[in-house]
Amino acid sequence: MTDTTELWLIIIALGLGSFGLRFAFLGLVGDRAMPEWVLRHLRYTAVAVIPALVAPLVIWPTATGGEPDPTRLAAAAATFAVGYLTKTSLRRWASARRFWCHSAWCFDAADH
């Protein structure tokens, strides 16, 4: 177990690191046009981050003690297959949900 001082030093260091990374893009480069090759690579950031967040939850779920679960693997395979076959993305889903919610077709769980 770490003591409180060490914990706060880690939290402050991570906060400064996060601020530094964001400032590098927004503060230093924010008013300049980025080269085409950078923009091309940034297009794939969300495509890389989402699987990186989801993969450990599918392959090593905490609920099963880190053992792969056939149900989770089947759900991930079905999700991948539907995404691959329909060529849809999370952004399209989110924009459709936004449209339906503004069209009064969306309801909140608190309504029921």
PDB file of N, CA and C in Angstrom:
ATOM      1  N   MET A   1       0.844  -1.176   0.000  1.00  0.00           N
ATOM      2  CA  MET A   1       0.000   0.000   0.000  1.00  0.00           C
ATOM      3  C   MET A   1       0.888   1.237   0.000  1.00  0.00           C
ATOM      4  N   THR A   2       0.540   2.197  -0.807  1.00  0.00           N
ATOM      5  CA  THR A   2       1.318   3.433  -0.860  1.00  0.00           C
ATOM      6  C   THR A   2       0.786   4.424   0.157  1.00  0.00           C
ATOM      7  N   ASP A   3       1.661   5.273   0.612  1.00  0.00           N
ATOM      8  CA  ASP A   3       1.214   6.295   1.560  1.00  0.00           C
ATOM      9  C   ASP A   3       0.563   7.449   0.801  1.00  0.00           C
ATOM     10  N   THR A   4      -0.061   8.338   1.534  1.00  0.00           N
ATOM     11  CA  THR A   4      -0.824   9.423   0.911  1.00  0.00           C
ATOM     12  C   THR A   4       0.054  10.394   0.148  1.00  0.00           C
ATOM     13  N   THR A   5       1.220  10.678   0.621  1.00  0.00           N
ATOM     14  CA  THR A   5       2.106  11.620  -0.070  1.00  0.00           C
ATOM     15  C   THR A   5       2.506  11.073  -1.437  1.00  0.00           C
ATOM     16  N   GLU A   6       2.886   9.815  -1.467  1.00  0.00           N
ATOM     17  CA  GLU A   6       3.277   9.203  -2.738  1.00  0.00           C
ATOM     18  C   GLU A   6       2.091   9.165  -3.710  1.00  0.00           C
ATOM     19  N   LEU A   7       0.922   8.870  -3.193  1.00  0.00           N
ATOM     20  CA  LEU A   7      -0.276   8.830  -4.027  1.00  0.00           C
ATOM     21  C   LEU A   7      -0.552  10.195  -4.646  1.00  0.00           C
ATOM     22  N   TRP A   8      -0.483  11.255  -3.839  1.00  0.00           N
ATOM     23  CA  TRP A   8      -0.741  12.599  -4.369  1.00  0.00           C
ATOM     24  C   TRP A   8       0.334  13.035  -5.349  1.00  0.00           C
ATOM     25  N   LEU A   9       1.571  12.631  -5.125  1.00  0.00           N
ATOM     26  CA  LEU A   9       2.625  12.942  -6.093  1.00  0.00           C
ATOM     27  C   LEU A   9       2.355  12.263  -7.436  1.00  0.00           C
ATOM     28  N   ILE A  10       1.883  11.037  -7.397  1.00  0.00           N
ATOM     29  CA  ILE A  10       1.548  10.323  -8.637  1.00  0.00           C
ATOM     30  C   ILE A  10       0.378  10.998  -9.340  1.00  0.00           C
ATOM     31  N   ILE A  11      -0.651  11.375  -8.590  1.00  0.00           N
ATOM     32  CA  ILE A  11      -1.812  12.044  -9.180  1.00  0.00           C
ATOM     33  C   ILE A  11      -1.411  13.372  -9.811  1.00  0.00           C
ATOM     34  N   ILE A  12      -0.590  14.154  -9.128  1.00  0.00           N
ATOM     35  CA  ILE A  12      -0.142  15.447  -9.664  1.00  0.00           C
ATOM     36  C   ILE A  12       0.731  15.244 -10.897  1.00  0.00           C
ATOM     37  N   ALA A  13       1.625  14.262 -10.865  1.00  0.00           N
ATOM     38  CA  ALA A  13       2.485  13.996 -12.022  1.00  0.00           C
ATOM     39  C   ALA A  13       1.661  13.561 -13.236  1.00  0.00           C
ATOM     40  N   LEU A  14       0.677  12.709 -13.031  1.00  0.00           N
ATOM     41  CA  LEU A  14      -0.179  12.288 -14.134  1.00  0.00           C
ATOM     42  C   LEU A  14      -1.008  13.457 -14.669  1.00  0.00           C
ATOM     43  N   GLY A  15      -1.478  14.326 -13.786  1.00  0.00           N
ATOM     44  CA  GLY A  15      -2.223  15.511 -14.215  1.00  0.00           C
ATOM     45  C   GLY A  15      -1.363  16.446 -15.035  1.00  0.00           C
ATOM     46  N   LEU A  16      -0.124  16.679 -14.596  1.00  0.00           N
ATOM     47  CA  LEU A  16       0.791  17.536 -15.358  1.00  0.00           C
ATOM     48  C   LEU A  16       1.145  16.916 -16.703  1.00  0.00           C
ATOM     49  N   GLY A  17       1.331  15.607 -16.728  1.00  0.00           N
ATOM     50  CA  GLY A  17       1.617  14.933 -17.992  1.00  0.00           C
ATOM     51  C   GLY A  17       0.447  15.030 -18.959  1.00  0.00           C
ATOM     52  N   SER A  18      -0.760  14.843 -18.450  1.00  0.00           N
ATOM     53  CA  SER A  18      -1.950  14.965 -19.285  1.00  0.00           C
ATOM     54  C   SER A  18      -2.098  16.387 -19.810  1.00  0.00           C
ATOM     55  N   PHE A  19      -1.883  17.373 -18.945  1.00  0.00           N
ATOM     56  CA  PHE A  19      -1.959  18.761 -19.380  1.00  0.00           C
ATOM     57  C   PHE A  19      -0.903  19.063 -20.432  1.00  0.00           C
ATOM     58  N   GLY A  20       0.304  18.548 -20.243  1.00  0.00           N
ATOM     59  CA  GLY A  20       1.384  18.794 -21.198  1.00  0.00           C
ATOM     60  C   GLY A  20       1.079  18.227 -22.578  1.00  0.00           C
ATOM     61  N   LEU A  21       0.540  17.030 -22.613  1.00  0.00           N
ATOM     62  CA  LEU A  21       0.178  16.431 -23.904  1.00  0.00           C
ATOM     63  C   LEU A  21      -0.921  17.216 -24.601  1.00  0.00           C
ATOM     64  N   ARG A  22      -1.930  17.620 -23.854  1.00  0.00           N
ATOM     65  CA  ARG A  22      -3.021  18.384 -24.456  1.00  0.00           C
ATOM     66  C   ARG A  22      -2.542  19.759 -24.893  1.00  0.00           C
ATOM     67  N   PHE A  23      -1.703  20.391 -24.090  1.00  0.00           N
ATOM     68  CA  PHE A  23      -1.198  21.718 -24.444  1.00  0.00           C
ATOM     69  C   PHE A  23      -0.322  21.663 -25.687  1.00  0.00           C
ATOM     70  N   ALA A  24       0.418  20.570 -25.853  1.00  0.00           N
ATOM     71  CA  ALA A  24       1.270  20.435 -27.037  1.00  0.00           C
ATOM     72  C   ALA A  24       0.435  20.500 -28.313  1.00  0.00           C
ATOM     73  N   PHE A  25      -0.755  19.900 -28.304  1.00  0.00           N
ATOM     74  CA  PHE A  25      -1.591  19.928 -29.498  1.00  0.00           C
ATOM     75  C   PHE A  25      -2.448  21.186 -29.575  1.00  0.00           C
ATOM     76  N   LEU A  26      -3.060  21.566 -28.471  1.00  0.00           N
ATOM     77  CA  LEU A  26      -4.002  22.682 -28.509  1.00  0.00           C
ATOM     78  C   LEU A  26      -3.315  24.039 -28.368  1.00  0.00           C
ATOM     79  N   GLY A  27      -2.348  24.132 -27.511  1.00  0.00           N
ATOM     80  CA  GLY A  27      -1.707  25.417 -27.255  1.00  0.00           C
ATOM     81  C   GLY A  27      -0.620  25.774 -28.245  1.00  0.00           C
ATOM     82  N   LEU A  28       0.195  24.804 -28.600  1.00  0.00           N
ATOM     83  CA  LEU A  28       1.326  25.103 -29.476  1.00  0.00           C
ATOM     84  C   LEU A  28       0.986  24.942 -30.952  1.00  0.00           C
ATOM     85  N   VAL A  29       0.152  23.968 -31.296  1.00  0.00           N
ATOM     86  CA  VAL A  29      -0.127  23.663 -32.695  1.00  0.00           C
ATOM     87  C   VAL A  29      -1.562  24.048 -33.069  1.00  0.00           C
ATOM     88  N   GLY A  30      -2.363  24.465 -32.113  1.00  0.00           N
ATOM     89  CA  GLY A  30      -3.780  24.700 -32.340  1.00  0.00           C
ATOM     90  C   GLY A  30      -4.124  25.713 -33.405  1.00  0.00           C
ATOM     91  N   ASP A  31      -3.292  26.727 -33.599  1.00  0.00           N
ATOM     92  CA  ASP A  31      -3.633  27.761 -34.579  1.00  0.00           C
ATOM     93  C   ASP A  31      -2.963  27.542 -35.938  1.00  0.00           C
ATOM     94  N   ARG A  32      -2.221  26.459 -36.093  1.00  0.00           N
ATOM     95  CA  ARG A  32      -1.546  26.163 -37.366  1.00  0.00           C
ATOM     96  C   ARG A  32      -2.209  24.999 -38.077  1.00  0.00           C
ATOM     97  N   ALA A  33      -2.087  24.989 -39.373  1.00  0.00           N
ATOM     98  CA  ALA A  33      -2.599  23.854 -40.146  1.00  0.00           C
ATOM     99  C   ALA A  33      -1.646  22.675 -39.993  1.00  0.00           C
ATOM    100  N   MET A  34      -2.210  21.513 -39.748  1.00  0.00           N
ATOM    101  CA  MET A  34      -1.388  20.317 -39.602  1.00  0.00           C
ATOM    102  C   MET A  34      -1.105  19.720 -40.973  1.00  0.00           C
ATOM    103  N   PRO A  35       0.041  19.069 -41.111  1.00  0.00           N
ATOM    104  CA  PRO A  35       0.343  18.416 -42.387  1.00  0.00           C
ATOM    105  C   PRO A  35      -0.670  17.311 -42.692  1.00  0.00           C
ATOM    106  N   GLU A  36      -0.831  17.020 -43.961  1.00  0.00           N
ATOM    107  CA  GLU A  36      -1.803  16.017 -44.402  1.00  0.00           C
ATOM    108  C   GLU A  36      -1.531  14.642 -43.798  1.00  0.00           C
ATOM    109  N   TRP A  37      -0.249  14.255 -43.647  1.00  0.00           N
ATOM    110  CA  TRP A  37       0.057  12.936 -43.114  1.00  0.00           C
ATOM    111  C   TRP A  37      -0.357  12.825 -41.649  1.00  0.00           C
ATOM    112  N   VAL A  38      -0.294  13.927 -40.887  1.00  0.00           N
ATOM    113  CA  VAL A  38      -0.728  13.900 -39.489  1.00  0.00           C
ATOM    114  C   VAL A  38      -2.246  13.745 -39.428  1.00  0.00           C
ATOM    115  N   LEU A  39      -2.962  14.508 -40.252  1.00  0.00           N
ATOM    116  CA  LEU A  39      -4.420  14.406 -40.275  1.00  0.00           C
ATOM    117  C   LEU A  39      -4.874  13.012 -40.695  1.00  0.00           C
ATOM    118  N   ARG A  40      -4.154  12.407 -41.624  1.00  0.00           N
ATOM    119  CA  ARG A  40      -4.497  11.061 -42.068  1.00  0.00           C
ATOM    120  C   ARG A  40      -4.347  10.065 -40.908  1.00  0.00           C
ATOM    121  N   HIS A  41      -3.301  10.220 -40.120  1.00  0.00           N
ATOM    122  CA  HIS A  41      -3.087   9.314 -38.990  1.00  0.00           C
ATOM    123  C   HIS A  41      -4.071   9.585 -37.856  1.00  0.00           C
ATOM    124  N   LEU A  42      -4.437  10.835 -37.637  1.00  0.00           N
ATOM    125  CA  LEU A  42      -5.368  11.159 -36.561  1.00  0.00           C
ATOM    126  C   LEU A  42      -6.770  10.623 -36.830  1.00  0.00           C
ATOM    127  N   ARG A  43      -7.113  10.378 -38.089  1.00  0.00           N
ATOM    128  CA  ARG A  43      -8.411   9.813 -38.419  1.00  0.00           C
ATOM    129  C   ARG A  43      -8.607   8.436 -37.792  1.00  0.00           C
ATOM    130  N   TYR A  44      -7.524   7.730 -37.558  1.00  0.00           N
ATOM    131  CA  TYR A  44      -7.615   6.358 -37.048  1.00  0.00           C
ATOM    132  C   TYR A  44      -7.450   6.270 -35.532  1.00  0.00           C
ATOM    133  N   THR A  45      -7.395   7.389 -34.858  1.00  0.00           N
ATOM    134  CA  THR A  45      -7.190   7.377 -33.416  1.00  0.00           C
ATOM    135  C   THR A  45      -8.340   6.685 -32.694  1.00  0.00           C
ATOM    136  N   ALA A  46      -9.581   7.073 -32.992  1.00  0.00           N
ATOM    137  CA  ALA A  46     -10.728   6.450 -32.314  1.00  0.00           C
ATOM    138  C   ALA A  46     -10.832   4.976 -32.660  1.00  0.00           C
ATOM    139  N   VAL A  47     -10.501   4.629 -33.889  1.00  0.00           N
ATOM    140  CA  VAL A  47     -10.570   3.229 -34.317  1.00  0.00           C
ATOM    141  C   VAL A  47      -9.557   2.399 -33.546  1.00  0.00           C
ATOM    142  N   ALA A  48      -8.465   2.990 -33.138  1.00  0.00           N
ATOM    143  CA  ALA A  48      -7.448   2.262 -32.378  1.00  0.00           C
ATOM    144  C   ALA A  48      -7.731   2.276 -30.878  1.00  0.00           C
ATOM    145  N   VAL A  49      -8.289   3.368 -30.368  1.00  0.00           N
ATOM    146  CA  VAL A  49      -8.493   3.500 -28.924  1.00  0.00           C
ATOM    147  C   VAL A  49      -9.643   2.629 -28.430  1.00  0.00           C
ATOM    148  N   ILE A  50     -10.755   2.607 -29.148  1.00  0.00           N
ATOM    149  CA  ILE A  50     -11.919   1.847 -28.685  1.00  0.00           C
ATOM    150  C   ILE A  50     -11.601   0.354 -28.539  1.00  0.00           C
ATOM    151  N   PRO A  51     -10.993  -0.306 -29.545  1.00  0.00           N
ATOM    152  CA  PRO A  51     -10.638  -1.719 -29.321  1.00  0.00           C
ATOM    153  C   PRO A  51      -9.613  -1.906 -28.197  1.00  0.00           C
ATOM    154  N   ALA A  52      -8.727  -0.939 -28.037  1.00  0.00           N
ATOM    155  CA  ALA A  52      -7.746  -1.056 -26.953  1.00  0.00           C
ATOM    156  C   ALA A  52      -8.407  -0.999 -25.581  1.00  0.00           C
ATOM    157  N   LEU A  53      -9.505  -0.278 -25.465  1.00  0.00           N
ATOM    158  CA  LEU A  53     -10.234  -0.230 -24.203  1.00  0.00           C
ATOM    159  C   LEU A  53     -11.110  -1.468 -23.990  1.00  0.00           C
ATOM    160  N   VAL A  54     -11.657  -2.003 -25.073  1.00  0.00           N
ATOM    161  CA  VAL A  54     -12.608  -3.105 -24.965  1.00  0.00           C
ATOM    162  C   VAL A  54     -11.917  -4.467 -24.910  1.00  0.00           C
ATOM    163  N   ALA A  55     -10.820  -4.640 -25.631  1.00  0.00           N
ATOM    164  CA  ALA A  55     -10.161  -5.949 -25.736  1.00  0.00           C
ATOM    165  C   ALA A  55      -9.816  -6.576 -24.382  1.00  0.00           C
ATOM    166  N   PRO A  56      -9.223  -5.849 -23.446  1.00  0.00           N
ATOM    167  CA  PRO A  56      -8.941  -6.496 -22.149  1.00  0.00           C
ATOM    168  C   PRO A  56     -10.199  -6.939 -21.415  1.00  0.00           C
ATOM    169  N   LEU A  57     -11.309  -6.220 -21.599  1.00  0.00           N
ATOM    170  CA  LEU A  57     -12.551  -6.601 -20.936  1.00  0.00           C
ATOM    171  C   LEU A  57     -13.158  -7.859 -21.544  1.00  0.00           C
ATOM    172  N   VAL A  58     -12.831  -8.119 -22.814  1.00  0.00           N
ATOM    173  CA  VAL A  58     -13.347  -9.318 -23.481  1.00  0.00           C
ATOM    174  C   VAL A  58     -12.430 -10.504 -23.232  1.00  0.00           C
ATOM    175  N   ILE A  59     -11.136 -10.289 -23.334  1.00  0.00           N
ATOM    176  CA  ILE A  59     -10.179 -11.392 -23.251  1.00  0.00           C
ATOM    177  C   ILE A  59      -9.874 -11.793 -21.807  1.00  0.00           C
ATOM    178  N   TRP A  60      -9.728 -10.809 -20.916  1.00  0.00           N
ATOM    179  CA  TRP A  60      -9.411 -11.085 -19.512  1.00  0.00           C
ATOM    180  C   TRP A  60     -10.424 -10.417 -18.591  1.00  0.00           C
ATOM    181  N   PRO A  61     -11.689 -10.818 -18.618  1.00  0.00           N
ATOM    182  CA  PRO A  61     -12.688 -10.142 -17.780  1.00  0.00           C
ATOM    183  C   PRO A  61     -12.469 -10.414 -16.295  1.00  0.00           C
ATOM    184  N   THR A  62     -12.656  -9.397 -15.511  1.00  0.00           N
ATOM    185  CA  THR A  62     -12.484  -9.520 -14.062  1.00  0.00           C
ATOM    186  C   THR A  62     -13.549 -10.428 -13.458  1.00  0.00           C
ATOM    187  N   ALA A  63     -14.742 -10.410 -14.044  1.00  0.00           N
ATOM    188  CA  ALA A  63     -15.851 -11.211 -13.501  1.00  0.00           C
ATOM    189  C   ALA A  63     -15.559 -12.705 -13.512  1.00  0.00           C
ATOM    190  N   THR A  64     -14.701 -13.164 -14.422  1.00  0.00           N
ATOM    191  CA  THR A  64     -14.378 -14.597 -14.493  1.00  0.00           C
ATOM    192  C   THR A  64     -12.980 -14.884 -13.959  1.00  0.00           C
ATOM    193  N   GLY A  65     -12.407 -13.947 -13.264  1.00  0.00           N
ATOM    194  CA  GLY A  65     -11.081 -14.153 -12.701  1.00  0.00           C
ATOM    195  C   GLY A  65      -9.980 -14.099 -13.748  1.00  0.00           C
ATOM    196  N   GLY A  66     -10.222 -13.407 -14.839  1.00  0.00           N
ATOM    197  CA  GLY A  66      -9.215 -13.276 -15.885  1.00  0.00           C
ATOM    198  C   GLY A  66      -9.250 -14.371 -16.931  1.00  0.00           C
ATOM    199  N   GLU A  67     -10.164 -15.307 -16.793  1.00  0.00           N
ATOM    200  CA  GLU A  67     -10.301 -16.390 -17.774  1.00  0.00           C
ATOM    201  C   GLU A  67     -11.223 -15.945 -18.906  1.00  0.00           C
ATOM    202  N   PRO A  68     -10.881 -16.282 -20.149  1.00  0.00           N
ATOM    203  CA  PRO A  68     -11.777 -15.921 -21.266  1.00  0.00           C
ATOM    204  C   PRO A  68     -13.157 -16.561 -21.097  1.00  0.00           C
ATOM    205  N   ASP A  69     -14.172 -15.796 -21.418  1.00  0.00           N
ATOM    206  CA  ASP A  69     -15.556 -16.231 -21.282  1.00  0.00           C
ATOM    207  C   ASP A  69     -16.156 -16.421 -22.671  1.00  0.00           C
ATOM    208  N   PRO A  70     -16.668 -17.611 -22.999  1.00  0.00           N
ATOM    209  CA  PRO A  70     -17.218 -17.852 -24.338  1.00  0.00           C
ATOM    210  C   PRO A  70     -18.330 -16.881 -24.721  1.00  0.00           C
ATOM    211  N   THR A  71     -19.140 -16.471 -23.756  1.00  0.00           N
ATOM    212  CA  THR A  71     -20.223 -15.534 -24.057  1.00  0.00           C
ATOM    213  C   THR A  71     -19.679 -14.187 -24.499  1.00  0.00           C
ATOM    214  N   ARG A  72     -18.684 -13.682 -23.782  1.00  0.00           N
ATOM    215  CA  ARG A  72     -18.081 -12.397 -24.158  1.00  0.00           C
ATOM    216  C   ARG A  72     -17.364 -12.495 -25.505  1.00  0.00           C
ATOM    217  N   LEU A  73     -16.671 -13.598 -25.737  1.00  0.00           N
ATOM    218  CA  LEU A  73     -15.982 -13.780 -27.017  1.00  0.00           C
ATOM    219  C   LEU A  73     -16.976 -13.858 -28.172  1.00  0.00           C
ATOM    220  N   ALA A  74     -18.108 -14.537 -27.961  1.00  0.00           N
ATOM    221  CA  ALA A  74     -19.132 -14.624 -29.001  1.00  0.00           C
ATOM    222  C   ALA A  74     -19.750 -13.257 -29.270  1.00  0.00           C
ATOM    223  N   ALA A  75     -19.999 -12.486 -28.212  1.00  0.00           N
ATOM    224  CA  ALA A  75     -20.560 -11.143 -28.388  1.00  0.00           C
ATOM    225  C   ALA A  75     -19.581 -10.246 -29.132  1.00  0.00           C
ATOM    226  N   ALA A  76     -18.301 -10.345 -28.814  1.00  0.00           N
ATOM    227  CA  ALA A  76     -17.290  -9.539 -29.507  1.00  0.00           C
ATOM    228  C   ALA A  76     -17.190  -9.949 -30.971  1.00  0.00           C
ATOM    229  N   ALA A  77     -17.249 -11.250 -31.249  1.00  0.00           N
ATOM    230  CA  ALA A  77     -17.187 -11.728 -32.631  1.00  0.00           C
ATOM    231  C   ALA A  77     -18.408 -11.267 -33.420  1.00  0.00           C
ATOM    232  N   ALA A  78     -19.590 -11.336 -32.812  1.00  0.00           N
ATOM    233  CA  ALA A  78     -20.805 -10.874 -33.488  1.00  0.00           C
ATOM    234  C   ALA A  78     -20.748  -9.376 -33.747  1.00  0.00           C
ATOM    235  N   THR A  79     -20.262  -8.608 -32.791  1.00  0.00           N
ATOM    236  CA  THR A  79     -20.130  -7.160 -32.964  1.00  0.00           C
ATOM    237  C   THR A  79     -19.153  -6.839 -34.084  1.00  0.00           C
ATOM    238  N   PHE A  80     -18.037  -7.537 -34.096  1.00  0.00           N
ATOM    239  CA  PHE A  80     -17.053  -7.327 -35.162  1.00  0.00           C
ATOM    240  C   PHE A  80     -17.645  -7.670 -36.524  1.00  0.00           C
ATOM    241  N   ALA A  81     -18.352  -8.794 -36.606  1.00  0.00           N
ATOM    242  CA  ALA A  81     -18.939  -9.223 -37.878  1.00  0.00           C
ATOM    243  C   ALA A  81     -19.965  -8.220 -38.393  1.00  0.00           C
ATOM    244  N   VAL A  82     -20.829  -7.747 -37.510  1.00  0.00           N
ATOM    245  CA  VAL A  82     -21.834  -6.759 -37.929  1.00  0.00           C
ATOM    246  C   VAL A  82     -21.154  -5.472 -38.371  1.00  0.00           C
ATOM    247  N   GLY A  83     -20.166  -5.007 -37.637  1.00  0.00           N
ATOM    248  CA  GLY A  83     -19.446  -3.791 -38.025  1.00  0.00           C
ATOM    249  C   GLY A  83     -18.708  -3.957 -39.341  1.00  0.00           C
ATOM    250  N   TYR A  84     -18.114  -5.116 -39.544  1.00  0.00           N
ATOM    251  CA  TYR A  84     -17.370  -5.361 -40.778  1.00  0.00           C
ATOM    252  C   TYR A  84     -18.307  -5.470 -41.975  1.00  0.00           C
ATOM    253  N   LEU A  85     -19.396  -6.178 -41.809  1.00  0.00           N
ATOM    254  CA  LEU A  85     -20.315  -6.390 -42.925  1.00  0.00           C
ATOM    255  C   LEU A  85     -21.121  -5.141 -43.281  1.00  0.00           C
ATOM    256  N   THR A  86     -21.480  -4.349 -42.293  1.00  0.00           N
ATOM    257  CA  THR A  86     -22.281  -3.155 -42.568  1.00  0.00           C
ATOM    258  C   THR A  86     -21.433  -1.911 -42.753  1.00  0.00           C
ATOM    259  N   LYS A  87     -20.161  -1.984 -42.406  1.00  0.00           N
ATOM    260  CA  LYS A  87     -19.233  -0.848 -42.525  1.00  0.00           C
ATOM    261  C   LYS A  87     -19.712   0.377 -41.747  1.00  0.00           C
ATOM    262  N   THR A  88     -20.384   0.144 -40.653  1.00  0.00           N
ATOM    263  CA  THR A  88     -20.842   1.258 -39.831  1.00  0.00           C
ATOM    264  C   THR A  88     -19.829   1.544 -38.736  1.00  0.00           C
ATOM    265  N   SER A  89     -19.947   2.692 -38.147  1.00  0.00           N
ATOM    266  CA  SER A  89     -19.022   3.061 -37.091  1.00  0.00           C
ATOM    267  C   SER A  89     -19.796   3.599 -35.902  1.00  0.00           C
ATOM    268  N   LEU A  90     -19.108   3.759 -34.812  1.00  0.00           N
ATOM    269  CA  LEU A  90     -19.713   4.289 -33.602  1.00  0.00           C
ATOM    270  C   LEU A  90     -20.222   5.711 -33.832  1.00  0.00           C
ATOM    271  N   ARG A  91     -19.523   6.472 -34.658  1.00  0.00           N
ATOM    272  CA  ARG A  91     -19.919   7.846 -34.929  1.00  0.00           C
ATOM    273  C   ARG A  91     -21.281   7.883 -35.615  1.00  0.00           C
ATOM    274  N   ARG A  92     -21.511   6.984 -36.565  1.00  0.00           N
ATOM    275  CA  ARG A  92     -22.810   6.947 -37.242  1.00  0.00           C
ATOM    276  C   ARG A  92     -23.910   6.573 -36.265  1.00  0.00           C
ATOM    277  N   TRP A  93     -23.622   5.613 -35.383  1.00  0.00           N
ATOM    278  CA  TRP A  93     -24.611   5.212 -34.402  1.00  0.00           C
ATOM    279  C   TRP A  93     -24.942   6.371 -33.482  1.00  0.00           C
ATOM    280  N   ALA A  94     -23.914   7.081 -33.035  1.00  0.00           N
ATOM    281  CA  ALA A  94     -24.135   8.201 -32.114  1.00  0.00           C
ATOM    282  C   ALA A  94     -24.937   9.312 -32.779  1.00  0.00           C
ATOM    283  N   SER A  95     -24.645   9.607 -34.050  1.00  0.00           N
ATOM    284  CA  SER A  95     -25.394  10.662 -34.721  1.00  0.00           C
ATOM    285  C   SER A  95     -26.846  10.234 -34.940  1.00  0.00           C
ATOM    286  N   ALA A  96     -27.087   8.951 -35.217  1.00  0.00           N
ATOM    287  CA  ALA A  96     -28.457   8.473 -35.375  1.00  0.00           C
ATOM    288  C   ALA A  96     -29.205   8.563 -34.049  1.00  0.00           C
ATOM    289  N   ARG A  97     -28.543   8.201 -32.970  1.00  0.00           N
ATOM    290  CA  ARG A  97     -29.179   8.291 -31.653  1.00  0.00           C
ATOM    291  C   ARG A  97     -29.510   9.731 -31.320  1.00  0.00           C
ATOM    292  N   ARG A  98     -28.606  10.653 -31.640  1.00  0.00           N
ATOM    293  CA  ARG A  98     -28.850  12.068 -31.396  1.00  0.00           C
ATOM    294  C   ARG A  98     -30.077  12.537 -32.187  1.00  0.00           C
ATOM    295  N   PHE A  99     -30.192  12.084 -33.440  1.00  0.00           N
ATOM    296  CA  PHE A  99     -31.341  12.458 -34.263  1.00  0.00           C
ATOM    297  C   PHE A  99     -32.633  11.955 -33.639  1.00  0.00           C
ATOM    298  N   TRP A 100     -32.648  10.675 -33.254  1.00  0.00           N
ATOM    299  CA  TRP A 100     -33.876  10.115 -32.706  1.00  0.00           C
ATOM    300  C   TRP A 100     -34.219  10.734 -31.360  1.00  0.00           C
ATOM    301  N   CYS A 101     -33.229  11.054 -30.559  1.00  0.00           N
ATOM    302  CA  CYS A 101     -33.508  11.668 -29.255  1.00  0.00           C
ATOM    303  C   CYS A 101     -34.090  13.067 -29.429  1.00  0.00           C
ATOM    304  N   HIS A 102     -33.627  13.796 -30.430  1.00  0.00           N
ATOM    305  CA  HIS A 102     -34.185  15.126 -30.688  1.00  0.00           C
ATOM    306  C   HIS A 102     -35.551  15.027 -31.360  1.00  0.00           C
ATOM    307  N   SER A 103     -35.865  13.875 -31.932  1.00  0.00           N
ATOM    308  CA  SER A 103     -37.161  13.690 -32.583  1.00  0.00           C
ATOM    309  C   SER A 103     -38.207  13.151 -31.605  1.00  0.00           C
ATOM    310  N   ALA A 104     -37.885  13.111 -30.325  1.00  0.00           N
ATOM    311  CA  ALA A 104     -38.786  12.664 -29.252  1.00  0.00           C
ATOM    312  C   ALA A 104     -39.078  11.169 -29.322  1.00  0.00           C
ATOM    313  N   TRP A 105     -38.285  10.397 -30.035  1.00  0.00           N
ATOM    314  CA  TRP A 105     -38.456   8.947 -30.056  1.00  0.00           C
ATOM    315  C   TRP A 105     -37.625   8.288 -28.951  1.00  0.00           C
ATOM    316  N   CYS A 106     -36.719   9.040 -28.374  1.00  0.00           N
ATOM    317  CA  CYS A 106     -35.837   8.500 -27.342  1.00  0.00           C
ATOM    318  C   CYS A 106     -36.444   8.778 -25.969  1.00  0.00           C
ATOM    319  N   PHE A 107     -36.380   7.832 -25.082  1.00  0.00           N
ATOM    320  CA  PHE A 107     -36.896   8.055 -23.738  1.00  0.00           C
ATOM    321  C   PHE A 107     -35.813   7.721 -22.738  1.00  0.00           C
ATOM    322  N   ASP A 108     -35.943   8.280 -21.595  1.00  0.00           N
ATOM    323  CA  ASP A 108     -35.001   8.078 -20.499  1.00  0.00           C
ATOM    324  C   ASP A 108     -35.505   6.937 -19.625  1.00  0.00           C
ATOM    325  N   ALA A 109     -34.580   6.209 -19.029  1.00  0.00           N
ATOM    326  CA  ALA A 109     -34.971   5.105 -18.149  1.00  0.00           C
ATOM    327  C   ALA A 109     -35.756   5.609 -16.956  1.00  0.00           C
ATOM    328  N   ALA A 110     -35.544   6.874 -16.575  1.00  0.00           N
ATOM    329  CA  ALA A 110     -36.259   7.441 -15.435  1.00  0.00           C
ATOM    330  C   ALA A 110     -37.744   7.651 -15.750  1.00  0.00           C
ATOM    331  N   ASP A 111     -38.098   7.658 -17.047  1.00  0.00           N
ATOM    332  CA  ASP A 111     -39.496   7.831 -17.436  1.00  0.00           C
ATOM    333  C   ASP A 111     -40.338   6.598 -17.151  1.00  0.00           C
ATOM    334  N   HIS A 112     -39.705   5.453 -16.956  1.00  0.00           N
ATOM    335  CA  HIS A 112     -40.463   4.205 -16.796  1.00  0.00           C
ATOM    336  C   HIS A 112     -40.355   3.666 -15.405  1.00  0.00           C
TER     337      HIS A 112
END
